[in-house]
Amino acid sequence: MEDKHSGVELLDEAAGPDLELARDFTDRGTACAYMGQYKRAIRGYDRAIRLAPQFAKAYSNRGDAYSDLGQHQRAIQDYQEAIRLDSQDARVYYNRGGAYLNLGQYGQAIEDLDEFIRLDSHLALAYANRALAHIVLGGDAEAQQDVDRAAELGLDRALLQEMVEQAKQLRQA
């Protein structure tokens, strides 16, 4: 029998004082991250995870903080756990895709951006990032489709074309 509960629904069913406190620590971590205090934010997310290890948002937010610190591999680990706990959170796929881009792992970035776009097809930057990965891997036709879609969603076409040219230089390097 298939379990039709999402990670969020299962977490809400198990809600209690620890989850509420975990949410508070996650909110504090987010406030610290907004102020650029990423290490302090990570400490808040760590406390949230200790209190509620099934709280996907704490993992995804900690992944964001690690990514902001340039620790993309650690960020990916947290994003993977967040996805395991809640596979329907599109934002986590987008952020993990960005971490893969930063590590030069373009194939994995495309896979995550594909999943993000499947879940939420309205973010122009997702198409732009996927275009970048396609270009570096030699997929110019796929990249052009993504550039066109990103422009339809509001990104400046001239800026997108500049990005395409820079990505082609990466491919040649």
N, C-alpha and C. Protein backbone atom coordinates (compact mmCIF):
# COMPACT_ATOMS: atom_id res chain seq x y z
N MET A 1 0.84 -1.18 0.00
CA MET A 1 0.00 0.00 0.00
C MET A 1 0.88 1.24 0.00
N GLU A 2 0.58 2.19 -0.85
CA GLU A 2 1.39 3.39 -1.01
C GLU A 2 1.06 4.40 0.08
N ASP A 3 2.11 4.98 0.67
CA ASP A 3 1.92 6.01 1.68
C ASP A 3 1.74 7.35 0.98
N LYS A 4 0.59 7.97 1.17
CA LYS A 4 0.28 9.21 0.46
C LYS A 4 0.59 10.45 1.29
N HIS A 5 1.22 10.28 2.44
CA HIS A 5 1.58 11.42 3.27
C HIS A 5 2.88 12.02 2.78
N SER A 6 2.95 13.34 2.77
CA SER A 6 4.22 14.01 2.49
C SER A 6 5.00 14.08 3.80
N GLY A 7 6.26 14.43 3.69
CA GLY A 7 7.09 14.59 4.87
C GLY A 7 6.54 15.64 5.81
N VAL A 8 5.96 16.70 5.27
CA VAL A 8 5.40 17.76 6.09
C VAL A 8 4.21 17.25 6.87
N GLU A 9 3.32 16.49 6.22
CA GLU A 9 2.15 15.96 6.92
C GLU A 9 2.55 15.01 8.04
N LEU A 10 3.53 14.15 7.76
CA LEU A 10 3.99 13.22 8.80
C LEU A 10 4.61 13.99 9.96
N LEU A 11 5.36 15.03 9.66
CA LEU A 11 5.96 15.83 10.71
C LEU A 11 4.88 16.51 11.54
N ASP A 12 3.86 17.07 10.89
CA ASP A 12 2.79 17.74 11.61
C ASP A 12 2.04 16.77 12.52
N GLU A 13 1.89 15.52 12.06
CA GLU A 13 1.22 14.52 12.90
C GLU A 13 2.01 14.24 14.17
N ALA A 14 3.34 14.38 14.08
CA ALA A 14 4.19 14.11 15.23
C ALA A 14 4.53 15.39 16.00
N ALA A 15 3.85 16.48 15.67
CA ALA A 15 4.16 17.78 16.27
C ALA A 15 4.02 17.72 17.79
N GLY A 16 4.88 18.43 18.41
CA GLY A 16 4.86 18.53 19.86
C GLY A 16 5.77 19.66 20.27
N PRO A 17 6.08 19.73 21.56
CA PRO A 17 6.91 20.84 22.04
C PRO A 17 8.30 20.86 21.39
N ASP A 18 8.88 19.69 21.11
CA ASP A 18 10.20 19.67 20.48
C ASP A 18 10.14 20.26 19.08
N LEU A 19 9.09 19.96 18.34
CA LEU A 19 8.96 20.52 16.99
C LEU A 19 8.78 22.03 17.05
N GLU A 20 7.97 22.51 17.97
CA GLU A 20 7.78 23.95 18.10
C GLU A 20 9.10 24.64 18.44
N LEU A 21 9.86 24.06 19.34
CA LEU A 21 11.16 24.62 19.69
C LEU A 21 12.12 24.54 18.50
N ALA A 22 12.05 23.44 17.75
CA ALA A 22 12.89 23.30 16.56
C ALA A 22 12.54 24.38 15.54
N ARG A 23 11.27 24.67 15.38
CA ARG A 23 10.85 25.74 14.47
C ARG A 23 11.40 27.09 14.93
N ASP A 24 11.38 27.30 16.25
CA ASP A 24 11.94 28.55 16.79
C ASP A 24 13.43 28.66 16.48
N PHE A 25 14.18 27.59 16.70
CA PHE A 25 15.62 27.62 16.40
C PHE A 25 15.86 27.80 14.90
N THR A 26 15.01 27.20 14.08
CA THR A 26 15.14 27.38 12.63
C THR A 26 14.88 28.83 12.26
N ASP A 27 13.87 29.43 12.84
CA ASP A 27 13.58 30.84 12.57
C ASP A 27 14.74 31.73 13.02
N ARG A 28 15.32 31.42 14.17
CA ARG A 28 16.48 32.19 14.65
C ARG A 28 17.66 32.02 13.69
N GLY A 29 17.86 30.80 13.24
CA GLY A 29 18.94 30.55 12.28
C GLY A 29 18.73 31.34 10.99
N THR A 30 17.49 31.39 10.54
CA THR A 30 17.17 32.14 9.33
C THR A 30 17.45 33.63 9.52
N ALA A 31 17.09 34.15 10.69
CA ALA A 31 17.38 35.56 10.97
C ALA A 31 18.89 35.82 10.95
N CYS A 32 19.66 34.92 11.53
CA CYS A 32 21.12 35.07 11.51
C CYS A 32 21.65 35.01 10.09
N ALA A 33 21.12 34.10 9.29
CA ALA A 33 21.57 33.98 7.90
C ALA A 33 21.28 35.27 7.13
N TYR A 34 20.13 35.88 7.35
CA TYR A 34 19.79 37.14 6.69
C TYR A 34 20.79 38.24 7.05
N MET A 35 21.36 38.14 8.25
CA MET A 35 22.35 39.14 8.68
C MET A 35 23.77 38.75 8.27
N GLY A 36 23.89 37.63 7.52
CA GLY A 36 25.21 37.19 7.07
C GLY A 36 25.99 36.43 8.12
N GLN A 37 25.34 36.05 9.21
CA GLN A 37 25.99 35.30 10.29
C GLN A 37 25.73 33.80 10.09
N TYR A 38 26.37 33.25 9.07
CA TYR A 38 26.07 31.89 8.63
C TYR A 38 26.48 30.82 9.64
N LYS A 39 27.62 31.01 10.29
CA LYS A 39 28.04 30.01 11.29
C LYS A 39 27.08 29.99 12.47
N ARG A 40 26.63 31.16 12.87
CA ARG A 40 25.65 31.23 13.95
C ARG A 40 24.32 30.62 13.50
N ALA A 41 23.95 30.85 12.25
CA ALA A 41 22.74 30.25 11.70
C ALA A 41 22.83 28.73 11.75
N ILE A 42 23.98 28.21 11.36
CA ILE A 42 24.18 26.75 11.36
C ILE A 42 24.01 26.19 12.77
N ARG A 43 24.50 26.89 13.77
CA ARG A 43 24.31 26.42 15.15
C ARG A 43 22.83 26.35 15.51
N GLY A 44 22.05 27.32 15.06
CA GLY A 44 20.60 27.28 15.30
C GLY A 44 19.95 26.10 14.60
N TYR A 45 20.34 25.86 13.35
CA TYR A 45 19.78 24.73 12.62
C TYR A 45 20.21 23.40 13.24
N ASP A 46 21.46 23.34 13.73
CA ASP A 46 21.92 22.13 14.41
C ASP A 46 21.02 21.81 15.61
N ARG A 47 20.70 22.84 16.38
CA ARG A 47 19.84 22.62 17.56
C ARG A 47 18.45 22.17 17.13
N ALA A 48 17.94 22.76 16.06
CA ALA A 48 16.62 22.37 15.57
C ALA A 48 16.63 20.90 15.14
N ILE A 49 17.67 20.49 14.47
CA ILE A 49 17.77 19.10 13.99
C ILE A 49 17.89 18.13 15.15
N ARG A 50 18.64 18.52 16.19
CA ARG A 50 18.73 17.64 17.36
C ARG A 50 17.36 17.46 18.02
N LEU A 51 16.56 18.53 18.03
CA LEU A 51 15.24 18.46 18.66
C LEU A 51 14.22 17.72 17.79
N ALA A 52 14.31 17.90 16.48
CA ALA A 52 13.32 17.31 15.56
C ALA A 52 14.05 16.82 14.30
N PRO A 53 14.64 15.63 14.37
CA PRO A 53 15.44 15.14 13.24
C PRO A 53 14.65 14.90 11.96
N GLN A 54 13.32 14.96 12.01
CA GLN A 54 12.50 14.78 10.82
C GLN A 54 12.06 16.12 10.21
N PHE A 55 12.60 17.23 10.70
CA PHE A 55 12.20 18.57 10.27
C PHE A 55 13.04 18.97 9.05
N ALA A 56 12.47 18.73 7.88
CA ALA A 56 13.19 18.93 6.62
C ALA A 56 13.67 20.37 6.44
N LYS A 57 12.89 21.33 6.88
CA LYS A 57 13.24 22.74 6.68
C LYS A 57 14.55 23.09 7.38
N ALA A 58 14.80 22.50 8.53
CA ALA A 58 16.06 22.78 9.23
C ALA A 58 17.26 22.30 8.40
N TYR A 59 17.12 21.14 7.76
CA TYR A 59 18.20 20.64 6.91
C TYR A 59 18.38 21.52 5.68
N SER A 60 17.28 21.89 5.04
CA SER A 60 17.41 22.69 3.82
C SER A 60 17.98 24.07 4.14
N ASN A 61 17.56 24.66 5.24
CA ASN A 61 18.10 25.97 5.61
C ASN A 61 19.57 25.88 6.01
N ARG A 62 19.93 24.80 6.69
CA ARG A 62 21.35 24.63 7.04
C ARG A 62 22.17 24.44 5.77
N GLY A 63 21.60 23.71 4.80
CA GLY A 63 22.27 23.58 3.52
C GLY A 63 22.49 24.93 2.85
N ASP A 64 21.49 25.81 2.93
CA ASP A 64 21.64 27.15 2.37
C ASP A 64 22.79 27.90 3.04
N ALA A 65 22.89 27.77 4.36
CA ALA A 65 23.96 28.47 5.09
C ALA A 65 25.33 27.91 4.69
N TYR A 66 25.43 26.58 4.60
CA TYR A 66 26.70 26.00 4.14
C TYR A 66 27.04 26.47 2.73
N SER A 67 26.05 26.53 1.87
CA SER A 67 26.28 26.99 0.51
C SER A 67 26.76 28.45 0.50
N ASP A 68 26.14 29.28 1.35
CA ASP A 68 26.56 30.67 1.44
C ASP A 68 28.00 30.79 1.93
N LEU A 69 28.46 29.81 2.69
CA LEU A 69 29.86 29.79 3.15
C LEU A 69 30.80 29.16 2.12
N GLY A 70 30.25 28.73 0.99
CA GLY A 70 31.06 28.09 -0.03
C GLY A 70 31.34 26.62 0.23
N GLN A 71 30.65 26.04 1.21
CA GLN A 71 30.82 24.62 1.56
C GLN A 71 29.72 23.82 0.85
N HIS A 72 29.85 23.75 -0.47
CA HIS A 72 28.77 23.19 -1.29
C HIS A 72 28.57 21.70 -1.08
N GLN A 73 29.63 20.95 -0.82
CA GLN A 73 29.47 19.51 -0.60
C GLN A 73 28.66 19.26 0.67
N ARG A 74 28.96 20.01 1.72
CA ARG A 74 28.18 19.88 2.97
C ARG A 74 26.74 20.31 2.74
N ALA A 75 26.56 21.35 1.94
CA ALA A 75 25.20 21.80 1.62
C ALA A 75 24.43 20.70 0.92
N ILE A 76 25.07 20.04 -0.03
CA ILE A 76 24.42 18.96 -0.78
C ILE A 76 23.97 17.84 0.16
N GLN A 77 24.78 17.52 1.14
CA GLN A 77 24.40 16.48 2.11
C GLN A 77 23.13 16.86 2.85
N ASP A 78 23.04 18.12 3.26
CA ASP A 78 21.82 18.57 3.95
C ASP A 78 20.63 18.60 3.01
N TYR A 79 20.85 19.03 1.78
CA TYR A 79 19.75 19.04 0.81
C TYR A 79 19.25 17.62 0.55
N GLN A 80 20.17 16.67 0.49
CA GLN A 80 19.75 15.28 0.27
C GLN A 80 18.86 14.79 1.41
N GLU A 81 19.24 15.15 2.63
CA GLU A 81 18.41 14.73 3.77
C GLU A 81 17.06 15.44 3.74
N ALA A 82 17.04 16.70 3.40
CA ALA A 82 15.77 17.43 3.30
C ALA A 82 14.87 16.81 2.25
N ILE A 83 15.44 16.41 1.13
CA ILE A 83 14.65 15.76 0.07
C ILE A 83 14.15 14.39 0.52
N ARG A 84 14.97 13.67 1.26
CA ARG A 84 14.54 12.36 1.78
C ARG A 84 13.32 12.55 2.68
N LEU A 85 13.31 13.63 3.45
CA LEU A 85 12.22 13.88 4.39
C LEU A 85 11.00 14.51 3.72
N ASP A 86 11.21 15.29 2.67
CA ASP A 86 10.10 15.96 1.97
C ASP A 86 10.49 16.15 0.51
N SER A 87 10.14 15.19 -0.30
CA SER A 87 10.55 15.18 -1.71
C SER A 87 9.74 16.14 -2.58
N GLN A 88 8.79 16.85 -2.00
CA GLN A 88 7.96 17.77 -2.79
C GLN A 88 8.34 19.24 -2.61
N ASP A 89 9.40 19.50 -1.87
CA ASP A 89 9.84 20.89 -1.66
C ASP A 89 10.74 21.29 -2.83
N ALA A 90 10.16 21.99 -3.79
CA ALA A 90 10.87 22.36 -5.02
C ALA A 90 12.12 23.17 -4.72
N ARG A 91 12.04 24.06 -3.76
CA ARG A 91 13.16 24.95 -3.44
C ARG A 91 14.45 24.18 -3.15
N VAL A 92 14.33 23.05 -2.51
CA VAL A 92 15.53 22.27 -2.15
C VAL A 92 16.22 21.74 -3.41
N TYR A 93 15.44 21.31 -4.39
CA TYR A 93 16.04 20.85 -5.65
C TYR A 93 16.76 21.99 -6.35
N TYR A 94 16.15 23.18 -6.33
CA TYR A 94 16.78 24.34 -6.95
C TYR A 94 18.10 24.67 -6.26
N ASN A 95 18.09 24.68 -4.94
CA ASN A 95 19.30 25.03 -4.20
C ASN A 95 20.39 23.96 -4.34
N ARG A 96 19.98 22.70 -4.33
CA ARG A 96 20.99 21.65 -4.53
C ARG A 96 21.55 21.73 -5.95
N GLY A 97 20.70 22.04 -6.92
CA GLY A 97 21.18 22.24 -8.28
C GLY A 97 22.21 23.35 -8.35
N GLY A 98 21.97 24.43 -7.62
CA GLY A 98 22.94 25.52 -7.56
C GLY A 98 24.25 25.10 -6.94
N ALA A 99 24.18 24.28 -5.90
CA ALA A 99 25.41 23.78 -5.27
C ALA A 99 26.18 22.90 -6.25
N TYR A 100 25.47 22.06 -6.98
CA TYR A 100 26.14 21.24 -7.99
C TYR A 100 26.79 22.11 -9.07
N LEU A 101 26.10 23.18 -9.49
CA LEU A 101 26.69 24.10 -10.47
C LEU A 101 27.99 24.68 -9.93
N ASN A 102 27.97 25.11 -8.67
CA ASN A 102 29.17 25.69 -8.07
C ASN A 102 30.32 24.70 -7.98
N LEU A 103 30.01 23.41 -7.91
CA LEU A 103 31.04 22.38 -7.87
C LEU A 103 31.43 21.89 -9.26
N GLY A 104 30.79 22.43 -10.29
CA GLY A 104 31.09 21.99 -11.65
C GLY A 104 30.51 20.63 -11.99
N GLN A 105 29.51 20.20 -11.24
CA GLN A 105 28.86 18.91 -11.48
C GLN A 105 27.57 19.19 -12.25
N TYR A 106 27.75 19.46 -13.54
CA TYR A 106 26.67 19.98 -14.37
C TYR A 106 25.56 18.97 -14.63
N GLY A 107 25.90 17.71 -14.79
CA GLY A 107 24.87 16.69 -15.01
C GLY A 107 23.92 16.59 -13.83
N GLN A 108 24.48 16.58 -12.62
CA GLN A 108 23.64 16.52 -11.42
C GLN A 108 22.81 17.80 -11.28
N ALA A 109 23.43 18.93 -11.64
CA ALA A 109 22.68 20.19 -11.58
C ALA A 109 21.46 20.13 -12.49
N ILE A 110 21.64 19.62 -13.69
CA ILE A 110 20.52 19.51 -14.63
C ILE A 110 19.42 18.63 -14.06
N GLU A 111 19.81 17.50 -13.47
CA GLU A 111 18.80 16.60 -12.90
C GLU A 111 17.97 17.32 -11.83
N ASP A 112 18.64 18.06 -10.94
CA ASP A 112 17.90 18.76 -9.89
C ASP A 112 17.05 19.89 -10.46
N LEU A 113 17.58 20.61 -11.42
CA LEU A 113 16.80 21.70 -12.01
C LEU A 113 15.62 21.16 -12.81
N ASP A 114 15.80 19.99 -13.44
CA ASP A 114 14.66 19.33 -14.10
C ASP A 114 13.55 19.06 -13.09
N GLU A 115 13.94 18.52 -11.93
CA GLU A 115 12.94 18.20 -10.90
C GLU A 115 12.31 19.47 -10.35
N PHE A 116 13.11 20.49 -10.12
CA PHE A 116 12.55 21.76 -9.66
C PHE A 116 11.50 22.27 -10.64
N ILE A 117 11.86 22.27 -11.93
CA ILE A 117 10.96 22.79 -12.96
C ILE A 117 9.70 21.93 -13.07
N ARG A 118 9.83 20.63 -12.85
CA ARG A 118 8.66 19.76 -12.84
C ARG A 118 7.70 20.18 -11.72
N LEU A 119 8.26 20.55 -10.57
CA LEU A 119 7.45 20.92 -9.41
C LEU A 119 6.99 22.38 -9.46
N ASP A 120 7.80 23.25 -10.08
CA ASP A 120 7.49 24.69 -10.11
C ASP A 120 8.12 25.28 -11.38
N SER A 121 7.31 25.46 -12.40
CA SER A 121 7.84 25.84 -13.72
C SER A 121 7.87 27.34 -13.96
N HIS A 122 7.80 28.15 -12.91
CA HIS A 122 7.66 29.59 -13.11
C HIS A 122 8.85 30.42 -12.66
N LEU A 123 9.95 29.81 -12.30
CA LEU A 123 11.12 30.58 -11.87
C LEU A 123 12.11 30.68 -13.02
N ALA A 124 12.25 31.87 -13.55
CA ALA A 124 13.11 32.09 -14.72
C ALA A 124 14.56 31.69 -14.44
N LEU A 125 15.04 31.94 -13.23
CA LEU A 125 16.43 31.61 -12.91
C LEU A 125 16.71 30.11 -13.00
N ALA A 126 15.72 29.29 -12.75
CA ALA A 126 15.93 27.84 -12.88
C ALA A 126 16.26 27.49 -14.32
N TYR A 127 15.55 28.09 -15.26
CA TYR A 127 15.83 27.84 -16.68
C TYR A 127 17.19 28.40 -17.06
N ALA A 128 17.53 29.57 -16.54
CA ALA A 128 18.83 30.17 -16.85
C ALA A 128 19.97 29.30 -16.33
N ASN A 129 19.83 28.81 -15.10
CA ASN A 129 20.87 27.95 -14.54
C ASN A 129 20.99 26.63 -15.29
N ARG A 130 19.84 26.08 -15.67
CA ARG A 130 19.88 24.82 -16.44
C ARG A 130 20.50 25.07 -17.81
N ALA A 131 20.23 26.22 -18.41
CA ALA A 131 20.86 26.56 -19.70
C ALA A 131 22.37 26.60 -19.55
N LEU A 132 22.84 27.21 -18.49
CA LEU A 132 24.28 27.27 -18.23
C LEU A 132 24.88 25.87 -18.20
N ALA A 133 24.26 24.98 -17.45
CA ALA A 133 24.78 23.61 -17.35
C ALA A 133 24.74 22.91 -18.71
N HIS A 134 23.66 23.08 -19.45
CA HIS A 134 23.57 22.47 -20.78
C HIS A 134 24.68 22.97 -21.70
N ILE A 135 24.95 24.26 -21.66
CA ILE A 135 25.97 24.83 -22.53
C ILE A 135 27.34 24.23 -22.22
N VAL A 136 27.68 24.20 -20.95
CA VAL A 136 28.99 23.67 -20.56
C VAL A 136 29.14 22.22 -21.00
N LEU A 137 28.03 21.48 -20.99
CA LEU A 137 28.07 20.07 -21.40
C LEU A 137 27.88 19.89 -22.91
N GLY A 138 27.73 20.99 -23.64
CA GLY A 138 27.60 20.90 -25.10
C GLY A 138 26.19 20.77 -25.61
N GLY A 139 25.23 20.97 -24.76
CA GLY A 139 23.81 20.86 -25.17
C GLY A 139 23.25 22.22 -25.56
N ASP A 140 23.75 22.76 -26.65
CA ASP A 140 23.35 24.11 -27.05
C ASP A 140 21.87 24.22 -27.40
N ALA A 141 21.31 23.20 -28.02
CA ALA A 141 19.88 23.26 -28.39
C ALA A 141 19.00 23.29 -27.14
N GLU A 142 19.31 22.43 -26.17
CA GLU A 142 18.54 22.44 -24.92
C GLU A 142 18.72 23.76 -24.20
N ALA A 143 19.94 24.28 -24.22
CA ALA A 143 20.22 25.55 -23.56
C ALA A 143 19.40 26.67 -24.18
N GLN A 144 19.29 26.68 -25.50
CA GLN A 144 18.54 27.74 -26.16
C GLN A 144 17.06 27.69 -25.79
N GLN A 145 16.52 26.48 -25.65
CA GLN A 145 15.13 26.36 -25.20
C GLN A 145 14.95 26.96 -23.80
N ASP A 146 15.93 26.69 -22.93
CA ASP A 146 15.86 27.24 -21.58
C ASP A 146 16.04 28.75 -21.57
N VAL A 147 16.93 29.27 -22.41
CA VAL A 147 17.11 30.72 -22.52
C VAL A 147 15.80 31.36 -22.98
N ASP A 148 15.17 30.77 -23.98
CA ASP A 148 13.90 31.31 -24.48
C ASP A 148 12.84 31.32 -23.38
N ARG A 149 12.76 30.23 -22.62
CA ARG A 149 11.75 30.16 -21.54
C ARG A 149 12.07 31.17 -20.44
N ALA A 150 13.34 31.31 -20.09
CA ALA A 150 13.72 32.29 -19.06
C ALA A 150 13.35 33.70 -19.51
N ALA A 151 13.55 33.99 -20.80
CA ALA A 151 13.18 35.31 -21.33
C ALA A 151 11.66 35.50 -21.29
N GLU A 152 10.91 34.45 -21.63
CA GLU A 152 9.44 34.52 -21.55
C GLU A 152 8.99 34.83 -20.13
N LEU A 153 9.74 34.31 -19.15
CA LEU A 153 9.37 34.51 -17.74
C LEU A 153 9.91 35.82 -17.17
N GLY A 154 10.59 36.61 -18.01
CA GLY A 154 10.94 37.95 -17.57
C GLY A 154 12.41 38.30 -17.46
N LEU A 155 13.31 37.36 -17.67
CA LEU A 155 14.73 37.72 -17.62
C LEU A 155 15.13 38.43 -18.90
N ASP A 156 16.04 39.33 -18.77
CA ASP A 156 16.53 40.13 -19.90
C ASP A 156 17.28 39.23 -20.89
N ARG A 157 16.81 39.21 -22.14
CA ARG A 157 17.39 38.34 -23.15
C ARG A 157 18.86 38.69 -23.42
N ALA A 158 19.21 39.97 -23.42
CA ALA A 158 20.60 40.36 -23.66
C ALA A 158 21.51 39.83 -22.55
N LEU A 159 21.04 39.90 -21.33
CA LEU A 159 21.81 39.35 -20.20
C LEU A 159 21.95 37.84 -20.34
N LEU A 160 20.87 37.18 -20.74
CA LEU A 160 20.91 35.73 -20.94
C LEU A 160 21.91 35.35 -22.02
N GLN A 161 21.93 36.10 -23.11
CA GLN A 161 22.86 35.80 -24.20
C GLN A 161 24.31 36.02 -23.75
N GLU A 162 24.52 37.02 -22.91
CA GLU A 162 25.86 37.24 -22.35
C GLU A 162 26.27 36.04 -21.49
N MET A 163 25.33 35.53 -20.69
CA MET A 163 25.59 34.35 -19.87
C MET A 163 25.95 33.16 -20.76
N VAL A 164 25.23 33.01 -21.88
CA VAL A 164 25.49 31.91 -22.81
C VAL A 164 26.92 32.00 -23.34
N GLU A 165 27.34 33.18 -23.73
CA GLU A 165 28.69 33.35 -24.26
C GLU A 165 29.75 33.04 -23.22
N GLN A 166 29.53 33.45 -21.99
CA GLN A 166 30.47 33.15 -20.91
C GLN A 166 30.53 31.65 -20.64
N ALA A 167 29.39 30.99 -20.70
CA ALA A 167 29.35 29.54 -20.47
C ALA A 167 30.07 28.80 -21.59
N LYS A 168 29.95 29.28 -22.80
CA LYS A 168 30.66 28.65 -23.92
C LYS A 168 32.17 28.77 -23.72
N GLN A 169 32.61 29.86 -23.15
CA GLN A 169 34.04 30.02 -22.85
C GLN A 169 34.49 29.00 -21.79
N LEU A 170 33.63 28.73 -20.80
CA LEU A 170 33.92 27.70 -19.81
C LEU A 170 34.09 26.33 -20.48
N ARG A 171 33.23 26.07 -21.42
CA ARG A 171 33.27 24.80 -22.13
C ARG A 171 34.58 24.64 -22.88
N GLN A 172 35.10 25.72 -23.43
CA GLN A 172 36.32 25.67 -24.22
C GLN A 172 37.57 25.63 -23.33
N ALA A 173 37.44 26.03 -22.08
CA ALA A 173 38.60 26.09 -21.18
C ALA A 173 39.06 24.72 -20.74
